[in-house]
Amino acid sequence: MNTIARRRLGWGIFFISPWIVGFLAFTVYPITASLYYSFTNYNIINFTPTWVGLDNYSNLMSNDNVFWGSLRVTLYYVVMLVVLATVFDILIAMLLNMNVRGLSIYRTVFYLPVMVPVVAATLTWVWILNPRHGLINGLLERIGIDGPPWLASPRTALLSLVIVAVWGSGRAVLIYLAGLKDIPRHLYEAAEIDGANTWHKMRHVTLPLLTPQMLFNIITMTIFSMQSIAAPLIMTGGGPNKATLMYGLHLYRLAFERLRMGYASAMAWILFIVILVLTAIMFRSSRRYVHYDR
């Protein structure tokens, strides 16, 4: 490497040094520290972690029923959210892809929930889902239907959180809409010549060519929903009867309320492994149903 190349390299490193320092300080170090703390008994107040080896992991796997319960609740939540959000988002994207007057307004309306802060949105939904004075049960009462208790019942509390998450999935709608815009028109024309109706065109043209967007949205939705904390913390606090005690909320309470940072770090790494395995399975299985040819 000559002098000019070294000088250019030095200036390049100098200009990206703020990012390098931030990445090392706020990403690499926290990840490395959490891995170390997962093998220790560390409660934040005691600044000297005590090495316990695999005790945290073994206790989680064999002695912690709340851990398994929160993982089960989280998996139920993820499955319901992915299924309902995928169907809802694709239908909304197809409606927003139609050539109607005021289309830009409709697209803005469906994206607005993404812009609402999480705390404001969840508190608003707490009022909407109120069993006595809420908007939804009020509308149901007008047509003679007794609304469910929503957040107050173990049977409907988790579904209520799923509904709120689906309501805020405007980013996925945009991705599906972009995928619809990218489907060649001549494929629909060929299908019409073959006598295909609207259902046949959606089933054999639209949905197969949206599978790359489906894969991306399903994976990202799974990753983010596995780490959900704010909605269950604000709306239900993990109740009633631990029906909405999700993995992320349980981890948060262990780390910052009970100050069991080492135990919580072990939970975080188990969550990382679970997400990694689920993502690998989805990528591996995508070879069967994802179509990239247009």
Protein backbone atom coordinates (compact mmCIF):
# COMPACT_ATOMS: atom_id res chain seq x y z
CA MET A 1 0.00 0.00 0.00
CA ASN A 2 1.55 3.31 -1.09
CA THR A 3 1.52 6.57 0.80
CA ILE A 4 -1.57 7.99 -0.95
CA ALA A 5 -3.60 4.85 -0.27
CA ARG A 6 -2.60 4.84 3.41
CA ARG A 7 -3.51 8.51 3.70
CA ARG A 8 -6.93 7.91 2.15
CA LEU A 9 -7.48 4.95 4.43
CA GLY A 10 -6.54 7.01 7.46
CA TRP A 11 -8.94 9.81 6.52
CA GLY A 12 -11.68 7.27 5.86
CA ILE A 13 -11.23 5.68 9.28
CA PHE A 14 -11.13 9.15 10.85
CA PHE A 15 -14.47 10.16 9.35
CA ILE A 16 -16.24 6.92 10.30
CA SER A 17 -14.61 6.78 13.75
CA PRO A 18 -17.72 8.19 15.52
CA TRP A 19 -19.76 5.28 14.15
CA ILE A 20 -17.02 2.79 15.05
CA VAL A 21 -16.82 4.10 18.62
CA GLY A 22 -20.60 4.04 18.96
CA PHE A 23 -20.84 0.53 17.53
CA LEU A 24 -18.18 -0.80 19.89
CA ALA A 25 -19.57 1.01 22.94
CA PHE A 26 -23.30 0.50 22.43
CA THR A 27 -23.46 -2.78 20.48
CA VAL A 28 -20.37 -4.95 20.78
CA TYR A 29 -19.70 -4.27 24.47
CA PRO A 30 -23.31 -4.76 25.68
CA ILE A 31 -23.61 -8.04 23.76
CA THR A 32 -20.31 -9.33 25.12
CA ALA A 33 -21.11 -8.17 28.65
CA SER A 34 -24.56 -9.80 28.64
CA LEU A 35 -23.01 -13.09 27.52
CA TYR A 36 -20.56 -12.93 30.43
CA TYR A 37 -23.25 -11.88 32.93
CA SER A 38 -25.43 -14.81 31.86
CA PHE A 39 -22.90 -17.09 33.56
CA THR A 40 -22.83 -15.04 36.75
CA ASN A 41 -24.96 -14.00 39.68
CA TYR A 42 -25.15 -10.26 39.10
CA ASN A 43 -27.76 -7.94 40.61
CA ILE A 44 -26.48 -4.47 39.49
CA ILE A 45 -26.18 -3.25 43.10
CA ASN A 46 -23.34 -5.68 43.71
CA PHE A 47 -20.77 -4.51 41.20
CA THR A 48 -18.78 -7.76 41.44
CA PRO A 49 -20.49 -10.55 39.51
CA THR A 50 -20.17 -14.03 40.98
CA TRP A 51 -19.39 -16.80 38.50
CA VAL A 52 -22.02 -19.56 38.62
CA GLY A 53 -21.39 -21.28 35.29
CA LEU A 54 -24.49 -22.81 33.71
CA ASP A 55 -26.65 -22.49 36.84
CA ASN A 56 -28.79 -19.71 35.38
CA TYR A 57 -29.52 -21.75 32.26
CA SER A 58 -30.22 -24.95 34.17
CA ASN A 59 -32.56 -23.15 36.58
CA LEU A 60 -34.44 -21.61 33.68
CA MET A 61 -34.86 -24.95 31.94
CA SER A 62 -35.72 -27.10 34.95
CA ASN A 63 -37.02 -24.98 37.83
CA ASP A 64 -38.65 -21.85 36.38
CA ASN A 65 -42.29 -22.46 35.45
CA VAL A 66 -42.83 -18.75 34.80
CA PHE A 67 -40.09 -18.88 32.15
CA TRP A 68 -41.85 -21.68 30.26
CA GLY A 69 -45.22 -20.02 30.71
CA SER A 70 -43.99 -16.71 29.29
CA LEU A 71 -42.36 -18.49 26.37
CA ARG A 72 -45.60 -20.35 25.63
CA VAL A 73 -47.66 -17.14 25.78
CA THR A 74 -45.18 -15.40 23.49
CA LEU A 75 -45.32 -18.19 20.90
CA TYR A 76 -49.13 -18.09 20.94
CA TYR A 77 -48.97 -14.34 20.46
CA VAL A 78 -46.49 -14.61 17.58
CA VAL A 79 -48.54 -17.25 15.74
CA MET A 80 -51.80 -15.31 16.06
CA LEU A 81 -50.15 -12.03 15.09
CA VAL A 82 -48.34 -13.41 12.06
CA VAL A 83 -51.44 -15.14 10.69
CA LEU A 84 -53.91 -12.30 11.29
CA ALA A 85 -51.51 -9.51 10.31
CA THR A 86 -50.47 -11.24 7.09
CA VAL A 87 -54.06 -11.72 5.96
CA PHE A 88 -55.12 -8.23 7.04
CA ASP A 89 -52.09 -6.45 5.56
CA ILE A 90 -52.37 -8.18 2.18
CA LEU A 91 -56.08 -7.38 1.93
CA ILE A 92 -55.47 -3.73 2.84
CA ALA A 93 -52.58 -3.51 0.37
CA MET A 94 -54.78 -4.90 -2.40
CA LEU A 95 -57.47 -2.33 -1.59
CA LEU A 96 -54.90 0.47 -1.57
CA ASN A 97 -53.65 -0.74 -4.94
CA MET A 98 -56.98 0.02 -6.59
CA ASN A 99 -57.39 3.11 -8.73
CA VAL A 100 -59.95 5.13 -6.76
CA ARG A 101 -60.36 8.78 -5.92
CA GLY A 102 -58.59 9.95 -2.76
CA LEU A 103 -56.20 6.98 -2.75
CA SER A 104 -53.35 8.99 -1.22
CA ILE A 105 -55.59 9.92 1.72
CA TYR A 106 -56.48 6.28 2.36
CA ARG A 107 -52.83 5.26 2.25
CA THR A 108 -51.96 8.00 4.73
CA VAL A 109 -54.75 6.93 7.08
CA PHE A 110 -53.59 3.31 7.16
CA TYR A 111 -49.98 4.38 7.79
CA LEU A 112 -50.82 6.86 10.56
CA PRO A 113 -50.78 4.22 13.37
CA VAL A 114 -47.07 3.69 12.67
CA MET A 115 -46.44 7.36 13.49
CA VAL A 116 -48.29 7.25 16.82
CA PRO A 117 -45.98 6.76 19.85
CA VAL A 118 -46.33 3.35 21.45
CA VAL A 119 -47.39 4.67 24.85
CA ALA A 120 -50.06 6.96 23.39
CA ALA A 121 -51.39 4.20 21.14
CA THR A 122 -51.59 1.58 23.88
CA LEU A 123 -53.27 3.96 26.35
CA THR A 124 -55.81 4.85 23.67
CA TRP A 125 -56.54 1.19 23.09
CA VAL A 126 -56.93 0.62 26.82
CA TRP A 127 -59.85 3.06 26.67
CA ILE A 128 -61.22 1.62 23.41
CA LEU A 129 -61.22 -1.91 24.86
CA ASN A 130 -62.68 -0.88 28.23
CA PRO A 131 -65.50 -3.39 28.88
CA ARG A 132 -67.86 -0.77 30.36
CA HIS A 133 -67.07 2.55 28.73
CA GLY A 134 -65.01 1.48 25.71
CA LEU A 135 -65.79 2.40 22.13
CA ILE A 136 -65.94 -1.16 20.79
CA ASN A 137 -68.31 -2.53 23.42
CA GLY A 138 -70.38 0.63 23.11
CA LEU A 139 -70.85 0.00 19.39
CA LEU A 140 -71.61 -3.67 20.00
CA GLU A 141 -74.20 -2.73 22.61
CA ARG A 142 -76.02 -0.56 20.06
CA ILE A 143 -76.65 -3.63 17.89
CA GLY A 144 -77.64 -5.82 20.82
CA ILE A 145 -74.37 -7.66 21.43
CA ASP A 146 -72.71 -7.92 24.82
CA GLY A 147 -69.04 -7.24 24.24
CA PRO A 148 -66.36 -9.38 25.87
CA PRO A 149 -64.27 -8.08 28.77
CA TRP A 150 -61.25 -7.86 26.43
CA LEU A 151 -58.23 -6.99 28.61
CA ALA A 152 -59.93 -8.14 31.81
CA SER A 153 -60.34 -11.78 30.79
CA PRO A 154 -57.58 -14.39 30.31
CA ARG A 155 -59.47 -15.67 27.27
CA THR A 156 -59.45 -12.41 25.33
CA ALA A 157 -56.52 -10.43 26.77
CA LEU A 158 -53.88 -11.91 24.47
CA LEU A 159 -56.17 -11.54 21.45
CA SER A 160 -56.64 -7.89 22.38
CA LEU A 161 -52.88 -7.33 22.22
CA VAL A 162 -52.81 -9.04 18.83
CA ILE A 163 -55.54 -6.71 17.56
CA VAL A 164 -53.54 -3.67 18.67
CA ALA A 165 -50.41 -5.02 16.96
CA VAL A 166 -52.31 -5.70 13.72
CA TRP A 167 -53.72 -2.17 13.84
CA GLY A 168 -50.17 -0.80 13.89
CA SER A 169 -48.74 -2.90 11.05
CA GLY A 170 -48.71 -0.14 8.45
CA ARG A 171 -45.09 -0.77 7.46
CA ALA A 172 -45.96 -4.27 6.27
CA VAL A 173 -48.84 -2.84 4.21
CA LEU A 174 -46.40 -0.53 2.42
CA ILE A 175 -44.09 -3.44 1.63
CA TYR A 176 -46.96 -5.51 0.25
CA LEU A 177 -48.15 -2.52 -1.75
CA ALA A 178 -44.70 -2.12 -3.28
CA GLY A 179 -44.74 -5.83 -4.13
CA LEU A 180 -48.13 -5.47 -5.84
CA LYS A 181 -46.83 -2.56 -7.90
CA ASP A 182 -43.93 -4.73 -9.03
CA ILE A 183 -46.09 -7.54 -10.43
CA PRO A 184 -46.10 -7.32 -14.26
CA ARG A 185 -49.46 -6.45 -15.74
CA HIS A 186 -49.09 -8.95 -18.58
CA LEU A 187 -49.39 -11.85 -16.12
CA TYR A 188 -52.91 -10.74 -15.20
CA GLU A 189 -53.75 -10.26 -18.86
CA ALA A 190 -52.54 -13.77 -19.66
CA ALA A 191 -54.63 -15.15 -16.79
CA GLU A 192 -57.72 -13.31 -18.07
CA ILE A 193 -57.20 -14.78 -21.52
CA ASP A 194 -57.13 -18.23 -19.92
CA GLY A 195 -60.48 -17.49 -18.28
CA ALA A 196 -59.27 -16.78 -14.74
CA ASN A 197 -61.60 -14.85 -12.44
CA THR A 198 -60.59 -12.50 -9.62
CA TRP A 199 -60.04 -15.32 -7.10
CA HIS A 200 -57.94 -17.35 -9.54
CA LYS A 201 -55.76 -14.35 -10.36
CA MET A 202 -55.18 -13.62 -6.68
CA ARG A 203 -54.41 -17.26 -5.89
CA HIS A 204 -52.18 -18.10 -8.86
CA VAL A 205 -50.61 -14.73 -9.69
CA THR A 206 -50.79 -12.22 -6.84
CA LEU A 207 -50.07 -14.39 -3.81
CA PRO A 208 -47.21 -16.44 -5.34
CA LEU A 209 -45.45 -13.27 -6.48
CA LEU A 210 -45.93 -11.66 -3.07
CA THR A 211 -44.15 -14.49 -1.27
CA PRO A 212 -40.78 -12.63 -1.06
CA GLN A 213 -42.52 -9.77 0.73
CA MET A 214 -44.41 -12.28 2.90
CA LEU A 215 -41.14 -13.92 3.93
CA PHE A 216 -39.56 -10.59 4.88
CA ASN A 217 -42.60 -9.37 6.82
CA ILE A 218 -43.14 -12.67 8.62
CA ILE A 219 -39.51 -12.87 9.73
CA THR A 220 -39.31 -9.25 10.91
CA MET A 221 -42.70 -9.50 12.60
CA THR A 222 -41.64 -12.67 14.40
CA ILE A 223 -38.41 -11.09 15.62
CA PHE A 224 -40.06 -7.91 16.92
CA SER A 225 -43.09 -9.63 18.45
CA MET A 226 -40.89 -12.12 20.31
CA GLN A 227 -39.36 -9.10 22.08
CA SER A 228 -42.62 -7.31 22.80
CA ILE A 229 -42.55 -5.40 26.11
CA ALA A 230 -44.35 -2.06 25.89
CA ALA A 231 -47.87 -3.20 24.97
CA PRO A 232 -48.29 -5.95 27.60
CA LEU A 233 -46.57 -3.79 30.24
CA ILE A 234 -48.84 -0.78 29.71
CA MET A 235 -52.11 -2.48 28.78
CA THR A 236 -52.26 -5.51 31.08
CA GLY A 237 -49.09 -5.67 33.18
CA GLY A 238 -48.83 -9.33 32.22
CA GLY A 239 -52.28 -10.22 33.55
CA PRO A 240 -54.92 -11.27 34.06
CA ASN A 241 -53.61 -14.47 35.61
CA LYS A 242 -50.37 -14.15 33.59
CA ALA A 243 -52.32 -14.57 30.35
CA THR A 244 -50.24 -11.82 28.70
CA LEU A 245 -46.97 -12.28 30.57
CA MET A 246 -44.74 -12.34 27.51
CA TYR A 247 -41.12 -13.34 27.45
CA GLY A 248 -39.79 -9.80 27.03
CA LEU A 249 -41.90 -8.46 29.87
CA HIS A 250 -40.78 -11.25 32.20
CA LEU A 251 -37.15 -10.57 31.24
CA TYR A 252 -37.59 -6.84 31.84
CA ARG A 253 -39.02 -7.39 35.31
CA LEU A 254 -36.26 -9.78 36.29
CA ALA A 255 -33.57 -7.36 35.16
CA PHE A 256 -34.90 -3.97 36.29
CA GLU A 257 -37.41 -4.71 39.04
CA ARG A 258 -35.87 -7.73 40.77
CA LEU A 259 -32.33 -6.68 39.70
CA ARG A 260 -31.41 -10.25 38.68
CA MET A 261 -29.31 -9.12 35.74
CA GLY A 262 -27.37 -12.36 35.36
CA TYR A 263 -30.54 -14.43 35.27
CA ALA A 264 -32.15 -12.00 32.81
CA SER A 265 -29.06 -12.10 30.59
CA ALA A 266 -29.39 -15.87 30.38
CA MET A 267 -33.02 -15.40 29.35
CA ALA A 268 -31.94 -12.91 26.70
CA TRP A 269 -29.48 -15.35 25.17
CA ILE A 270 -32.06 -18.13 25.16
CA LEU A 271 -34.41 -15.76 23.37
CA PHE A 272 -31.67 -15.00 20.86
CA ILE A 273 -31.22 -18.73 20.19
CA VAL A 274 -34.98 -19.26 19.81
CA ILE A 275 -35.27 -16.38 17.34
CA LEU A 276 -32.20 -17.62 15.46
CA VAL A 277 -33.66 -21.13 15.15
CA LEU A 278 -37.08 -19.85 14.05
CA THR A 279 -35.49 -17.56 11.47
CA ALA A 280 -33.33 -20.39 10.12
CA ILE A 281 -36.38 -22.65 9.84
CA MET A 282 -38.33 -19.97 7.96
CA PHE A 283 -35.42 -19.34 5.59
CA ARG A 284 -34.94 -23.05 5.01
CA SER A 285 -38.61 -23.74 4.38
CA SER A 286 -38.95 -20.67 2.13
CA ARG A 287 -37.39 -22.61 -0.74
CA ARG A 288 -40.69 -24.46 -1.12
CA TYR A 289 -43.06 -21.51 -1.39
CA VAL A 290 -41.13 -18.30 -2.18
CA HIS A 291 -41.06 -17.41 -5.87
CA TYR A 292 -38.62 -14.81 -7.10
CA ASP A 293 -39.26 -15.21 -10.83
CA ARG A 294 -41.56 -12.67 -12.42
